[in-house]
Amino acid sequence: MTIRVGVVGLKHGMASIVEVVRNPKFRLVSVCSRSREDYEYLRGAEIAQPLDSVTFTASRESLIAEARRHCDFSDVAFFDDYDRFLAEGGVDAVILAVPVNLNARYGMKALKAGKHVLASKPFAIGVDEAAELYHAVRAARGAFVLNFEFRYSPLFVAIRRELDADRIGQVRLMSWNMFRMPFRPSYRRRAVSGGPFIAEICHWVDIFRFVEGRGRFLRAASFGGLDVLKDMQDFADHAASIVEYDSGAVGSINFTYFTDYP
């Protein structure tokens, strides 16, 4: 059985398009974006200047070239309206690659339309929105999958395999240090991005849960501030955080938003 897929968002979503078109289990039937430009690139339009890249794995130009090696996009429909995309796009499953503050709203709409959903992290930027999405998922016939992709990387899969085989002992302490330059201007407000803990640190909390494997989350503490970027954003630009599990394992996360990658 071939699953008919639609991708929403053609910037970060370009990597998802590549995964869909080179997998024989899927058929890309439609895409949705506010701008038609990236769709035209997929259909063969010339790329006159370097594109803004929003992934760490490959440039958008190389992702577009890779997608075109597997598909000519002549039969892939384009929509600039999400409601029309759900109603007329002919999809079984939706991949969401949209701004953080749209994840829950778009996910709920797709579920209510009877579609399966693969959503990017985070699934919501507030408790009320998260609870509403949770109830929509429980009531839906379709599957809702959250894309915490790092737990599928060869590195963490190998670590989990060694732990399961009792070759490297029991996890007691986990740590992660994250250094990066400031968010893009459009993401520098908590109402849009949720701030670092929602938008990015959730990845490493998920990895802690994946690696620790046995315990339940017990409590957390965080210390930091907005001391360097100041009026450039309305959330902390650095913090040190501790996460504790009832197994006794502890995870520590440090981040800054005013340093380049080491």
Protein backbone atom coordinates (compact mmCIF):
# COMPACT_ATOMS: atom_id res chain seq x y z
CA MET A 1 0.00 0.00 0.00
CA THR A 2 1.35 3.43 -0.96
CA ILE A 3 0.69 6.27 1.47
CA ARG A 4 -0.26 9.56 -0.18
CA VAL A 5 1.66 12.33 1.59
CA GLY A 6 1.39 16.11 1.67
CA VAL A 7 4.12 18.37 3.07
CA VAL A 8 3.29 21.71 4.68
CA GLY A 9 6.15 24.23 4.66
CA LEU A 10 8.82 24.24 1.97
CA LYS A 11 11.80 25.66 3.85
CA HIS A 12 12.46 23.31 6.75
CA GLY A 13 10.12 20.89 4.99
CA MET A 14 12.44 20.46 2.01
CA ALA A 15 14.31 17.73 3.90
CA SER A 16 11.00 15.92 4.47
CA ILE A 17 10.18 16.15 0.77
CA VAL A 18 13.47 14.39 -0.01
CA GLU A 19 12.63 11.60 2.43
CA VAL A 20 9.17 11.16 0.93
CA VAL A 21 10.11 11.11 -2.78
CA ARG A 22 12.91 8.58 -2.35
CA ASN A 23 10.82 6.15 -0.29
CA PRO A 24 8.74 3.75 -2.44
CA LYS A 25 6.19 3.38 0.37
CA PHE A 26 5.17 7.03 -0.05
CA ARG A 27 3.85 9.17 -2.89
CA LEU A 28 4.08 12.94 -2.63
CA VAL A 29 0.79 14.28 -3.99
CA SER A 30 0.64 17.88 -2.71
CA VAL A 31 2.54 20.62 -0.93
CA CYS A 32 1.39 23.73 0.93
CA SER A 33 3.27 26.98 1.46
CA ARG A 34 2.53 30.69 1.74
CA SER A 35 4.99 31.31 -1.12
CA ARG A 36 5.05 29.48 -4.46
CA GLU A 37 8.77 30.16 -5.01
CA ASP A 38 10.18 26.94 -3.55
CA TYR A 39 7.55 24.88 -5.37
CA GLU A 40 8.70 26.39 -8.66
CA TYR A 41 12.30 25.50 -7.79
CA LEU A 42 11.15 21.90 -7.32
CA ARG A 43 9.52 22.06 -10.74
CA GLY A 44 12.81 23.19 -12.33
CA ALA A 45 12.92 26.99 -12.03
CA GLU A 46 16.44 28.41 -11.95
CA ILE A 47 17.83 29.32 -8.52
CA ALA A 48 19.45 32.69 -9.17
CA GLN A 49 21.07 33.24 -5.76
CA PRO A 50 21.88 31.20 -2.65
CA LEU A 51 18.79 30.28 -0.65
CA ASP A 52 18.42 30.84 3.06
CA SER A 53 19.08 27.47 4.68
CA VAL A 54 17.07 26.35 7.70
CA THR A 55 18.54 22.89 8.21
CA PHE A 56 21.87 21.75 9.61
CA THR A 57 22.21 18.75 7.29
CA ALA A 58 22.28 20.27 3.80
CA SER A 59 21.62 23.49 1.92
CA ARG A 60 18.18 24.00 0.43
CA GLU A 61 19.72 24.05 -3.03
CA SER A 62 21.17 20.55 -2.55
CA LEU A 63 17.92 19.27 -1.06
CA ILE A 64 15.98 20.60 -4.06
CA ALA A 65 18.46 18.95 -6.44
CA GLU A 66 18.17 15.65 -4.55
CA ALA A 67 14.36 15.79 -4.61
CA ARG A 68 14.38 16.40 -8.39
CA ARG A 69 16.51 13.30 -8.92
CA HIS A 70 13.58 11.24 -7.65
CA CYS A 71 10.55 13.23 -8.85
CA ASP A 72 9.74 15.76 -11.61
CA PHE A 73 6.87 17.26 -9.52
CA SER A 74 4.57 17.55 -12.54
CA ASP A 75 1.83 15.68 -10.67
CA VAL A 76 2.38 17.35 -7.28
CA ALA A 77 -0.32 19.91 -6.50
CA PHE A 78 0.46 23.26 -4.85
CA PHE A 79 -1.74 25.03 -2.27
CA ASP A 80 -1.18 28.34 -0.51
CA ASP A 81 -4.17 27.78 1.79
CA TYR A 82 -3.97 25.08 4.47
CA ASP A 83 -7.72 24.45 4.69
CA ARG A 84 -7.92 23.90 0.93
CA PHE A 85 -4.86 21.66 1.11
CA LEU A 86 -6.62 19.43 3.66
CA ALA A 87 -9.90 19.42 1.73
CA GLU A 88 -8.57 18.99 -1.82
CA GLY A 89 -4.97 17.75 -1.54
CA GLY A 90 -5.85 14.06 -1.71
CA VAL A 91 -3.52 13.06 1.13
CA ASP A 92 -3.58 10.25 3.68
CA ALA A 93 -0.81 11.74 5.81
CA VAL A 94 0.45 15.26 6.48
CA ILE A 95 4.02 16.25 7.37
CA LEU A 96 4.12 19.60 9.20
CA ALA A 97 7.26 21.73 8.80
CA VAL A 98 5.77 25.02 9.93
CA PRO A 99 6.67 27.75 12.44
CA VAL A 100 6.55 26.52 16.04
CA ASN A 101 3.41 28.46 16.96
CA LEU A 102 1.44 26.68 14.20
CA ASN A 103 2.31 23.08 15.13
CA ALA A 104 -0.62 22.40 17.46
CA ARG A 105 -3.24 24.31 15.47
CA TYR A 106 -2.28 22.72 12.15
CA GLY A 107 -1.94 19.29 13.76
CA MET A 108 -5.44 19.44 15.22
CA LYS A 109 -6.95 20.54 11.90
CA ALA A 110 -5.30 17.65 10.07
CA LEU A 111 -6.41 15.10 12.67
CA LYS A 112 -9.98 16.38 12.55
CA ALA A 113 -9.84 16.06 8.74
CA GLY A 114 -9.00 12.36 9.16
CA LYS A 115 -5.30 12.59 8.25
CA HIS A 116 -2.28 10.99 9.87
CA VAL A 117 0.16 13.64 11.12
CA LEU A 118 3.94 13.80 11.50
CA ALA A 119 4.65 17.01 13.42
CA SER A 120 7.92 18.75 14.13
CA LYS A 121 8.86 19.43 17.71
CA PRO A 122 7.58 21.09 19.81
CA PHE A 123 3.96 19.98 19.55
CA ALA A 124 2.73 23.18 21.30
CA ILE A 125 4.07 26.34 22.94
CA GLY A 126 1.72 26.46 25.93
CA VAL A 127 0.00 24.14 28.40
CA ASP A 128 -3.56 24.97 27.29
CA GLU A 129 -2.71 24.41 23.63
CA ALA A 130 -0.91 21.17 24.51
CA ALA A 131 -3.93 19.88 26.40
CA GLU A 132 -6.24 20.72 23.49
CA LEU A 133 -3.95 18.86 21.08
CA TYR A 134 -3.78 15.88 23.46
CA HIS A 135 -7.58 15.53 23.44
CA ALA A 136 -7.67 15.90 19.65
CA VAL A 137 -5.12 13.10 19.31
CA ARG A 138 -7.09 10.82 21.64
CA ALA A 139 -10.29 11.45 19.66
CA ALA A 140 -8.73 11.06 16.21
CA ARG A 141 -8.67 7.95 14.02
CA GLY A 142 -5.33 8.90 12.49
CA ALA A 143 -1.89 8.56 14.03
CA PHE A 144 -0.04 11.53 15.48
CA VAL A 145 3.77 11.18 15.49
CA LEU A 146 6.16 13.73 16.98
CA ASN A 147 9.43 14.08 15.12
CA PHE A 148 12.15 13.84 17.79
CA GLU A 149 14.64 12.74 15.15
CA PHE A 150 17.83 12.78 17.22
CA ARG A 151 16.86 9.58 19.04
CA TYR A 152 17.03 7.85 15.64
CA SER A 153 20.59 9.01 14.88
CA PRO A 154 23.20 6.23 14.61
CA LEU A 155 25.03 7.65 17.65
CA PHE A 156 22.12 7.49 20.07
CA VAL A 157 20.82 4.20 18.66
CA ALA A 158 24.26 2.70 19.35
CA ILE A 159 24.33 4.11 22.89
CA ARG A 160 20.87 2.70 23.60
CA ARG A 161 21.93 -0.70 22.21
CA GLU A 162 24.98 -0.80 24.50
CA LEU A 163 22.88 0.15 27.51
CA ASP A 164 20.27 -2.50 26.74
CA ALA A 165 23.04 -5.11 26.53
CA ASP A 166 24.39 -4.03 29.97
CA ARG A 167 27.81 -3.35 28.47
CA ILE A 168 28.32 0.16 29.83
CA GLY A 169 26.53 0.13 33.16
CA GLN A 170 23.62 2.16 34.49
CA VAL A 171 23.07 5.80 33.54
CA ARG A 172 23.66 8.21 36.42
CA LEU A 173 24.74 11.49 34.85
CA MET A 174 23.96 13.01 31.44
CA SER A 175 25.05 16.43 30.16
CA TRP A 176 24.61 18.57 27.06
CA ASN A 177 26.16 21.92 26.15
CA MET A 178 24.55 23.98 23.40
CA PHE A 179 26.14 27.09 21.89
CA ARG A 180 24.55 29.12 19.12
CA MET A 181 24.01 32.59 17.76
CA PRO A 182 20.66 34.35 18.35
CA PHE A 183 17.37 33.16 16.91
CA ARG A 184 16.25 34.53 13.57
CA PRO A 185 14.46 37.87 14.06
CA SER A 186 11.03 36.32 13.49
CA TYR A 187 11.61 33.81 16.31
CA ARG A 188 12.91 36.17 18.99
CA ARG A 189 9.58 36.43 20.82
CA ARG A 190 8.29 33.78 23.20
CA ALA A 191 4.80 33.96 21.69
CA VAL A 192 6.23 32.82 18.33
CA SER A 193 8.99 30.34 19.23
CA GLY A 194 8.23 29.43 22.83
CA GLY A 195 11.79 30.30 23.78
CA PRO A 196 14.77 27.92 23.94
CA PHE A 197 13.28 25.33 26.29
CA ILE A 198 10.27 24.81 24.06
CA ALA A 199 11.88 25.28 20.64
CA GLU A 200 15.19 23.44 21.11
CA ILE A 201 16.01 22.18 24.60
CA CYS A 202 13.05 19.80 24.30
CA HIS A 203 15.29 17.76 21.94
CA TRP A 204 17.87 17.14 24.66
CA VAL A 205 15.31 16.47 27.38
CA ASP A 206 13.91 13.83 25.01
CA ILE A 207 17.42 12.39 24.49
CA PHE A 208 17.92 12.26 28.27
CA ARG A 209 14.66 10.31 28.54
CA PHE A 210 15.73 8.02 25.68
CA VAL A 211 19.19 7.31 27.11
CA GLU A 212 18.12 7.06 30.76
CA GLY A 213 15.42 4.63 29.71
CA ARG A 214 13.98 3.47 33.01
CA GLY A 215 13.07 6.32 35.32
CA ARG A 216 10.22 8.80 35.35
CA PHE A 217 10.75 12.55 35.34
CA LEU A 218 10.79 13.85 38.91
CA ARG A 219 11.74 17.54 38.91
CA ALA A 220 13.75 20.25 37.21
CA ALA A 221 15.53 23.49 38.09
CA SER A 222 16.94 26.20 35.83
CA PHE A 223 19.09 29.27 36.38
CA GLY A 224 19.92 31.94 33.83
CA GLY A 225 18.92 35.28 32.42
CA LEU A 226 18.71 37.76 29.59
CA ASP A 227 22.02 39.54 30.12
CA VAL A 228 23.64 39.96 26.68
CA LEU A 229 20.98 40.11 23.95
CA LYS A 230 18.66 42.20 26.16
CA ASP A 231 15.98 43.89 24.02
CA MET A 232 16.70 41.61 21.05
CA GLN A 233 14.42 38.93 22.55
CA ASP A 234 12.09 38.38 25.51
CA PHE A 235 13.44 35.06 26.86
CA ALA A 236 16.70 33.93 28.48
CA ASP A 237 19.85 34.09 26.37
CA HIS A 238 21.69 31.64 28.63
CA ALA A 239 20.83 29.10 31.31
CA ALA A 240 22.05 26.09 33.25
CA SER A 241 19.37 23.48 33.95
CA ILE A 242 19.12 20.23 35.91
CA VAL A 243 16.63 17.44 35.29
CA GLU A 244 16.20 14.64 37.85
CA TYR A 245 14.57 11.21 37.48
CA ASP A 246 13.17 8.91 40.15
CA SER A 247 15.84 6.34 39.22
CA GLY A 248 18.46 8.70 40.64
CA ALA A 249 19.79 9.74 37.21
CA VAL A 250 20.45 13.44 36.64
CA GLY A 251 20.78 15.40 33.40
CA SER A 252 22.36 18.84 33.04
CA ILE A 253 21.85 21.21 30.10
CA ASN A 254 23.75 24.43 29.47
CA PHE A 255 23.01 26.82 26.62
CA THR A 256 23.87 30.26 25.33
CA TYR A 257 22.35 32.27 22.49
CA PHE A 258 25.15 34.78 22.07
CA THR A 259 28.07 32.56 21.06
CA ASP A 260 28.99 30.93 17.80
CA TYR A 261 29.47 27.17 17.55
CA PRO A 262 32.77 26.09 19.17
